[in-house]
Amino acid sequence: MNQSKDWLNEARQLCGEFGLEDGIDPRVIARAMDRKTKSHKSKQLGKEARHTLSMVFAGDLSDPVFQDLEIIDVAATDDGQFLIVSLTCVDTSLEIDESQILEKCRAVQGYLRSAIASSVKRKHVPTLKFELMRVGYGENR
């Protein structure tokens, strides 16, 4: 009997004190925990998408512009709606404008998304956004 009274007294003392999580909706805490999982999954999706896109650019697309493009990085946005594909042109002697390269990439976006979806076994793949980077500088043209 004495042990149960000790526990009861300890419980009363704990309820009488404020803790770090007191007054915070438990759903908010659960969402914060989910963000860590989404971040990991987003990184995983970006890594797999980069691998798939590099294979498609190297072999499936017949346009020589795509053979001269190298994928630097694929990163998912925080909300998961977009995959940002950072590209660089390996052959600097190409006489094609940056806007033409990006336009060609946007034209085959549906094919690229379907290739990513089949490789990662997902029904929904985020929309692809392309950006062309300078070689060695790490900044946009």
N, C-alpha and C. Protein backbone atom coordinates (compact mmCIF):
# COMPACT_ATOMS: atom_id res chain seq x y z
N MET A 1 0.81 -1.19 0.00
CA MET A 1 0.00 0.00 0.00
C MET A 1 0.86 1.26 0.00
N ASN A 2 1.95 1.19 0.65
CA ASN A 2 2.82 2.34 0.75
C ASN A 2 3.38 2.73 -0.61
N GLN A 3 3.68 1.71 -1.45
CA GLN A 3 4.23 1.99 -2.78
C GLN A 3 3.21 2.70 -3.67
N SER A 4 1.96 2.31 -3.57
CA SER A 4 0.95 2.96 -4.41
C SER A 4 0.75 4.41 -4.00
N LYS A 5 0.84 4.70 -2.72
CA LYS A 5 0.71 6.08 -2.26
C LYS A 5 1.92 6.91 -2.70
N ASP A 6 3.10 6.29 -2.70
CA ASP A 6 4.29 7.00 -3.17
C ASP A 6 4.14 7.35 -4.65
N TRP A 7 3.64 6.41 -5.42
CA TRP A 7 3.43 6.66 -6.85
C TRP A 7 2.41 7.77 -7.06
N LEU A 8 1.35 7.76 -6.27
CA LEU A 8 0.31 8.78 -6.39
C LEU A 8 0.86 10.16 -6.05
N ASN A 9 1.66 10.24 -5.02
CA ASN A 9 2.27 11.53 -4.66
C ASN A 9 3.22 12.02 -5.77
N GLU A 10 3.98 11.10 -6.32
CA GLU A 10 4.90 11.47 -7.41
C GLU A 10 4.13 11.93 -8.65
N ALA A 11 3.03 11.27 -8.96
CA ALA A 11 2.20 11.66 -10.11
C ALA A 11 1.61 13.04 -9.90
N ARG A 12 1.18 13.34 -8.69
CA ARG A 12 0.62 14.67 -8.39
C ARG A 12 1.69 15.76 -8.55
N GLN A 13 2.90 15.45 -8.14
CA GLN A 13 3.98 16.43 -8.28
C GLN A 13 4.31 16.68 -9.76
N LEU A 14 4.29 15.62 -10.55
CA LEU A 14 4.58 15.77 -11.97
C LEU A 14 3.50 16.58 -12.68
N CYS A 15 2.26 16.37 -12.31
CA CYS A 15 1.16 17.11 -12.93
C CYS A 15 1.16 18.57 -12.51
N GLY A 16 1.74 18.85 -11.39
CA GLY A 16 1.78 20.21 -10.91
C GLY A 16 2.89 21.04 -11.54
N GLU A 17 3.81 20.41 -12.26
CA GLU A 17 4.92 21.12 -12.88
C GLU A 17 4.69 21.22 -14.38
N PHE A 18 5.25 22.29 -14.97
CA PHE A 18 5.18 22.45 -16.41
C PHE A 18 6.36 21.75 -17.07
N GLY A 19 6.06 21.05 -18.16
CA GLY A 19 7.10 20.40 -18.93
C GLY A 19 7.27 21.09 -20.27
N LEU A 20 8.23 20.66 -21.07
CA LEU A 20 8.49 21.26 -22.37
C LEU A 20 7.32 21.10 -23.33
N GLU A 21 6.61 20.01 -23.24
CA GLU A 21 5.54 19.72 -24.20
C GLU A 21 4.17 20.14 -23.70
N ASP A 22 4.08 20.69 -22.50
CA ASP A 22 2.78 21.11 -21.97
C ASP A 22 2.25 22.30 -22.76
N GLY A 23 0.99 22.23 -23.11
CA GLY A 23 0.35 23.31 -23.85
C GLY A 23 0.53 23.22 -25.35
N ILE A 24 1.25 22.23 -25.83
CA ILE A 24 1.45 22.04 -27.26
C ILE A 24 0.56 20.90 -27.72
N ASP A 25 -0.12 21.15 -28.83
CA ASP A 25 -0.99 20.14 -29.40
C ASP A 25 -0.15 18.93 -29.82
N PRO A 26 -0.51 17.71 -29.40
CA PRO A 26 0.28 16.53 -29.77
C PRO A 26 0.35 16.31 -31.28
N ARG A 27 -0.63 16.83 -32.03
CA ARG A 27 -0.59 16.69 -33.48
C ARG A 27 0.56 17.49 -34.09
N VAL A 28 0.89 18.62 -33.46
CA VAL A 28 2.01 19.43 -33.94
C VAL A 28 3.31 18.67 -33.75
N ILE A 29 3.45 18.02 -32.63
CA ILE A 29 4.66 17.24 -32.36
C ILE A 29 4.75 16.07 -33.34
N ALA A 30 3.62 15.43 -33.63
CA ALA A 30 3.62 14.31 -34.56
C ALA A 30 4.01 14.77 -35.97
N ARG A 31 3.54 15.97 -36.38
CA ARG A 31 3.90 16.50 -37.71
C ARG A 31 5.40 16.76 -37.79
N ALA A 32 5.98 17.26 -36.72
CA ALA A 32 7.42 17.52 -36.71
C ALA A 32 8.19 16.22 -36.86
N MET A 33 7.69 15.16 -36.26
CA MET A 33 8.33 13.86 -36.40
C MET A 33 8.20 13.35 -37.84
N ASP A 34 7.05 13.61 -38.48
CA ASP A 34 6.84 13.18 -39.86
C ASP A 34 7.77 13.90 -40.82
N ARG A 35 8.14 15.14 -40.53
CA ARG A 35 9.02 15.89 -41.43
C ARG A 35 10.36 15.21 -41.57
N LYS A 36 10.85 14.63 -40.49
CA LYS A 36 12.13 13.93 -40.57
C LYS A 36 12.02 12.75 -41.51
N THR A 37 10.92 12.03 -41.48
CA THR A 37 10.72 10.90 -42.38
C THR A 37 10.61 11.38 -43.82
N LYS A 38 9.88 12.47 -44.04
CA LYS A 38 9.73 13.00 -45.39
C LYS A 38 11.07 13.46 -45.92
N SER A 39 11.88 14.05 -45.08
CA SER A 39 13.19 14.52 -45.51
C SER A 39 14.04 13.35 -45.98
N HIS A 40 14.02 12.27 -45.22
CA HIS A 40 14.78 11.08 -45.60
C HIS A 40 14.24 10.50 -46.90
N LYS A 41 12.94 10.42 -47.00
CA LYS A 41 12.32 9.88 -48.21
C LYS A 41 12.57 10.79 -49.41
N SER A 42 12.58 12.09 -49.19
CA SER A 42 12.84 13.02 -50.27
C SER A 42 14.26 12.86 -50.79
N LYS A 43 15.21 12.68 -49.88
CA LYS A 43 16.60 12.45 -50.29
C LYS A 43 16.71 11.15 -51.06
N GLN A 44 16.02 10.14 -50.60
CA GLN A 44 16.06 8.85 -51.26
C GLN A 44 15.46 8.95 -52.67
N LEU A 45 14.35 9.65 -52.80
CA LEU A 45 13.72 9.84 -54.10
C LEU A 45 14.63 10.62 -55.03
N GLY A 46 15.27 11.67 -54.53
CA GLY A 46 16.19 12.46 -55.35
C GLY A 46 17.37 11.65 -55.85
N LYS A 47 17.90 10.80 -54.99
CA LYS A 47 19.03 9.97 -55.37
C LYS A 47 18.64 8.96 -56.46
N GLU A 48 17.50 8.34 -56.30
CA GLU A 48 17.03 7.37 -57.29
C GLU A 48 16.65 8.07 -58.60
N ALA A 49 16.05 9.25 -58.49
CA ALA A 49 15.68 10.00 -59.70
C ALA A 49 16.92 10.43 -60.47
N ARG A 50 17.97 10.82 -59.76
CA ARG A 50 19.22 11.22 -60.42
C ARG A 50 19.80 10.04 -61.20
N HIS A 51 19.82 8.89 -60.58
CA HIS A 51 20.35 7.69 -61.25
C HIS A 51 19.53 7.36 -62.50
N THR A 52 18.22 7.39 -62.37
CA THR A 52 17.34 7.06 -63.49
C THR A 52 17.49 8.08 -64.62
N LEU A 53 17.51 9.36 -64.28
CA LEU A 53 17.62 10.39 -65.31
C LEU A 53 18.95 10.33 -66.03
N SER A 54 20.03 10.03 -65.32
CA SER A 54 21.33 9.92 -65.99
C SER A 54 21.34 8.75 -66.96
N MET A 55 20.66 7.65 -66.61
CA MET A 55 20.58 6.50 -67.52
C MET A 55 19.73 6.85 -68.75
N VAL A 56 18.63 7.56 -68.54
CA VAL A 56 17.75 7.93 -69.66
C VAL A 56 18.44 8.93 -70.57
N PHE A 57 19.13 9.91 -69.99
CA PHE A 57 19.83 10.90 -70.82
C PHE A 57 20.93 10.25 -71.64
N ALA A 58 21.61 9.27 -71.06
CA ALA A 58 22.72 8.63 -71.75
C ALA A 58 22.26 7.69 -72.86
N GLY A 59 21.12 7.03 -72.69
CA GLY A 59 20.78 6.00 -73.66
C GLY A 59 19.47 6.16 -74.40
N ASP A 60 18.40 6.53 -73.74
CA ASP A 60 17.08 6.48 -74.35
C ASP A 60 16.76 7.67 -75.26
N LEU A 61 17.29 8.83 -74.95
CA LEU A 61 16.96 10.02 -75.73
C LEU A 61 17.97 10.18 -76.87
N SER A 62 17.46 10.32 -78.09
CA SER A 62 18.33 10.33 -79.27
C SER A 62 18.91 11.70 -79.59
N ASP A 63 18.36 12.76 -79.00
CA ASP A 63 18.85 14.11 -79.27
C ASP A 63 20.27 14.26 -78.69
N PRO A 64 21.24 14.75 -79.50
CA PRO A 64 22.62 14.89 -78.99
C PRO A 64 22.76 15.89 -77.85
N VAL A 65 21.80 16.78 -77.70
CA VAL A 65 21.85 17.74 -76.59
C VAL A 65 21.79 17.00 -75.26
N PHE A 66 20.97 15.96 -75.18
CA PHE A 66 20.82 15.23 -73.93
C PHE A 66 22.06 14.41 -73.59
N GLN A 67 22.80 13.97 -74.61
CA GLN A 67 24.03 13.23 -74.33
C GLN A 67 25.11 14.14 -73.75
N ASP A 68 25.02 15.44 -74.05
CA ASP A 68 26.01 16.39 -73.54
C ASP A 68 25.63 16.99 -72.19
N LEU A 69 24.47 16.64 -71.68
CA LEU A 69 24.05 17.14 -70.37
C LEU A 69 24.44 16.16 -69.27
N GLU A 70 24.89 16.71 -68.17
CA GLU A 70 25.21 15.89 -67.00
C GLU A 70 24.35 16.36 -65.83
N ILE A 71 23.81 15.43 -65.09
CA ILE A 71 22.96 15.77 -63.95
C ILE A 71 23.85 15.96 -62.73
N ILE A 72 23.78 17.16 -62.17
CA ILE A 72 24.56 17.46 -60.97
C ILE A 72 23.84 16.97 -59.73
N ASP A 73 22.55 17.31 -59.64
CA ASP A 73 21.79 16.97 -58.44
C ASP A 73 20.30 16.96 -58.75
N VAL A 74 19.57 16.15 -58.00
CA VAL A 74 18.11 16.15 -58.05
C VAL A 74 17.66 16.27 -56.60
N ALA A 75 16.92 17.33 -56.32
CA ALA A 75 16.47 17.58 -54.94
C ALA A 75 14.98 17.85 -54.93
N ALA A 76 14.30 17.29 -53.95
CA ALA A 76 12.86 17.53 -53.80
C ALA A 76 12.64 18.79 -52.98
N THR A 77 11.59 19.52 -53.31
CA THR A 77 11.25 20.70 -52.52
C THR A 77 10.63 20.25 -51.19
N ASP A 78 10.52 21.18 -50.26
CA ASP A 78 10.02 20.84 -48.92
C ASP A 78 8.59 20.31 -48.96
N ASP A 79 7.77 20.87 -49.84
CA ASP A 79 6.38 20.42 -49.90
C ASP A 79 6.21 19.17 -50.75
N GLY A 80 7.24 18.74 -51.46
CA GLY A 80 7.19 17.51 -52.23
C GLY A 80 6.49 17.62 -53.57
N GLN A 81 6.21 18.84 -54.03
CA GLN A 81 5.52 19.01 -55.30
C GLN A 81 6.47 18.99 -56.49
N PHE A 82 7.73 19.33 -56.27
CA PHE A 82 8.66 19.46 -57.38
C PHE A 82 9.96 18.72 -57.09
N LEU A 83 10.57 18.22 -58.16
CA LEU A 83 11.94 17.73 -58.13
C LEU A 83 12.76 18.72 -58.95
N ILE A 84 13.74 19.35 -58.33
CA ILE A 84 14.58 20.32 -59.03
C ILE A 84 15.80 19.58 -59.56
N VAL A 85 15.93 19.55 -60.89
CA VAL A 85 17.01 18.85 -61.56
C VAL A 85 18.05 19.88 -61.98
N SER A 86 19.25 19.80 -61.39
CA SER A 86 20.34 20.71 -61.74
C SER A 86 21.19 20.04 -62.80
N LEU A 87 21.34 20.71 -63.93
CA LEU A 87 22.07 20.16 -65.07
C LEU A 87 23.27 21.04 -65.40
N THR A 88 24.25 20.44 -66.05
CA THR A 88 25.36 21.19 -66.60
C THR A 88 25.67 20.63 -67.98
N CYS A 89 26.17 21.49 -68.84
CA CYS A 89 26.51 21.07 -70.19
C CYS A 89 27.98 20.67 -70.22
N VAL A 90 28.25 19.43 -70.59
CA VAL A 90 29.61 18.91 -70.61
C VAL A 90 30.39 19.52 -71.77
N ASP A 91 29.77 19.57 -72.95
CA ASP A 91 30.42 20.11 -74.14
C ASP A 91 30.10 21.60 -74.22
N THR A 92 31.09 22.44 -73.91
CA THR A 92 30.85 23.89 -73.91
C THR A 92 30.86 24.48 -75.31
N SER A 93 31.26 23.70 -76.32
CA SER A 93 31.28 24.20 -77.69
C SER A 93 29.91 24.10 -78.35
N LEU A 94 28.91 23.59 -77.63
CA LEU A 94 27.56 23.49 -78.19
C LEU A 94 27.02 24.88 -78.48
N GLU A 95 26.42 25.04 -79.63
CA GLU A 95 25.90 26.35 -80.04
C GLU A 95 24.41 26.46 -79.77
N ILE A 96 23.95 25.86 -78.70
CA ILE A 96 22.53 25.91 -78.35
C ILE A 96 22.38 26.80 -77.12
N ASP A 97 21.39 27.65 -77.18
CA ASP A 97 21.13 28.58 -76.09
C ASP A 97 20.58 27.84 -74.86
N GLU A 98 20.79 28.43 -73.70
CA GLU A 98 20.30 27.84 -72.45
C GLU A 98 18.78 27.65 -72.48
N SER A 99 18.07 28.62 -73.02
CA SER A 99 16.61 28.52 -73.07
C SER A 99 16.17 27.37 -73.97
N GLN A 100 16.92 27.09 -75.03
CA GLN A 100 16.58 25.96 -75.91
C GLN A 100 16.81 24.62 -75.20
N ILE A 101 17.88 24.55 -74.43
CA ILE A 101 18.16 23.31 -73.67
C ILE A 101 17.05 23.06 -72.66
N LEU A 102 16.68 24.10 -71.92
CA LEU A 102 15.63 23.95 -70.91
C LEU A 102 14.29 23.63 -71.56
N GLU A 103 14.03 24.21 -72.73
CA GLU A 103 12.79 23.92 -73.45
C GLU A 103 12.73 22.47 -73.90
N LYS A 104 13.86 21.94 -74.36
CA LYS A 104 13.91 20.52 -74.76
C LYS A 104 13.70 19.61 -73.56
N CYS A 105 14.24 20.00 -72.42
CA CYS A 105 14.06 19.20 -71.20
C CYS A 105 12.59 19.20 -70.78
N ARG A 106 11.96 20.36 -70.86
CA ARG A 106 10.54 20.44 -70.50
C ARG A 106 9.68 19.64 -71.47
N ALA A 107 10.11 19.56 -72.73
CA ALA A 107 9.33 18.84 -73.74
C ALA A 107 9.29 17.34 -73.45
N VAL A 108 10.34 16.79 -72.86
CA VAL A 108 10.39 15.35 -72.56
C VAL A 108 10.12 15.07 -71.09
N GLN A 109 9.59 16.05 -70.37
CA GLN A 109 9.35 15.89 -68.94
C GLN A 109 8.42 14.73 -68.64
N GLY A 110 7.37 14.53 -69.41
CA GLY A 110 6.44 13.44 -69.17
C GLY A 110 7.11 12.08 -69.28
N TYR A 111 7.96 11.93 -70.30
CA TYR A 111 8.69 10.68 -70.47
C TYR A 111 9.65 10.45 -69.29
N LEU A 112 10.32 11.51 -68.86
CA LEU A 112 11.26 11.40 -67.74
C LEU A 112 10.54 11.04 -66.44
N ARG A 113 9.39 11.66 -66.22
CA ARG A 113 8.62 11.35 -65.01
C ARG A 113 8.13 9.91 -65.02
N SER A 114 7.72 9.41 -66.19
CA SER A 114 7.27 8.02 -66.24
C SER A 114 8.43 7.06 -66.02
N ALA A 115 9.62 7.41 -66.49
CA ALA A 115 10.79 6.57 -66.25
C ALA A 115 11.13 6.54 -64.76
N ILE A 116 11.03 7.69 -64.11
CA ILE A 116 11.30 7.75 -62.66
C ILE A 116 10.24 6.94 -61.91
N ALA A 117 8.98 7.09 -62.30
CA ALA A 117 7.89 6.38 -61.61
C ALA A 117 8.06 4.88 -61.72
N SER A 118 8.48 4.40 -62.87
CA SER A 118 8.65 2.95 -63.02
C SER A 118 9.87 2.44 -62.26
N SER A 119 10.91 3.27 -62.13
CA SER A 119 12.10 2.80 -61.42
C SER A 119 11.92 2.83 -59.91
N VAL A 120 11.15 3.80 -59.40
CA VAL A 120 10.97 3.87 -57.94
C VAL A 120 9.65 3.27 -57.50
N LYS A 121 8.87 2.77 -58.44
CA LYS A 121 7.60 2.10 -58.15
C LYS A 121 6.65 3.02 -57.38
N ARG A 122 6.44 4.21 -57.93
CA ARG A 122 5.51 5.17 -57.33
C ARG A 122 4.47 5.56 -58.37
N LYS A 123 3.27 5.81 -57.89
CA LYS A 123 2.21 6.27 -58.79
C LYS A 123 2.38 7.75 -59.12
N HIS A 124 2.78 8.52 -58.12
CA HIS A 124 2.91 9.96 -58.31
C HIS A 124 4.37 10.36 -58.19
N VAL A 125 4.86 11.01 -59.24
CA VAL A 125 6.21 11.57 -59.22
C VAL A 125 6.06 13.08 -59.32
N PRO A 126 6.74 13.83 -58.48
CA PRO A 126 6.62 15.29 -58.53
C PRO A 126 7.00 15.86 -59.89
N THR A 127 6.50 17.04 -60.18
CA THR A 127 6.82 17.74 -61.41
C THR A 127 8.30 18.09 -61.42
N LEU A 128 8.93 17.97 -62.59
CA LEU A 128 10.34 18.26 -62.72
C LEU A 128 10.54 19.72 -63.09
N LYS A 129 11.48 20.36 -62.41
CA LYS A 129 11.92 21.72 -62.75
C LYS A 129 13.40 21.63 -63.07
N PHE A 130 13.79 22.21 -64.18
CA PHE A 130 15.18 22.11 -64.63
C PHE A 130 15.89 23.44 -64.44
N GLU A 131 17.15 23.36 -64.05
CA GLU A 131 18.00 24.55 -63.98
C GLU A 131 19.36 24.18 -64.53
N LEU A 132 19.92 25.06 -65.33
CA LEU A 132 21.21 24.83 -65.96
C LEU A 132 22.28 25.57 -65.18
N MET A 133 23.33 24.87 -64.81
CA MET A 133 24.40 25.44 -64.00
C MET A 133 25.67 25.54 -64.84
N ARG A 134 26.53 26.48 -64.47
CA ARG A 134 27.84 26.59 -65.12
C ARG A 134 28.76 25.50 -64.59
N VAL A 135 29.62 25.03 -65.44
CA VAL A 135 30.57 23.99 -65.03
C VAL A 135 31.61 24.60 -64.11
N GLY A 136 31.73 24.03 -62.91
CA GLY A 136 32.77 24.43 -61.98
C GLY A 136 32.43 25.64 -61.13
N TYR A 137 31.40 26.41 -61.46
CA TYR A 137 31.09 27.60 -60.69
C TYR A 137 30.03 27.37 -59.65
N GLY A 138 29.08 26.47 -59.91
CA GLY A 138 28.01 26.18 -58.96
C GLY A 138 26.96 27.27 -58.88
N GLU A 139 26.86 28.09 -59.91
CA GLU A 139 25.85 29.13 -59.92
C GLU A 139 25.11 29.10 -61.24
N ASN A 140 23.91 29.66 -61.26
CA ASN A 140 23.09 29.65 -62.48
C ASN A 140 23.70 30.54 -63.53
N ARG A 141 23.43 30.20 -64.77
CA ARG A 141 23.85 31.02 -65.89
C ARG A 141 23.01 32.25 -65.97
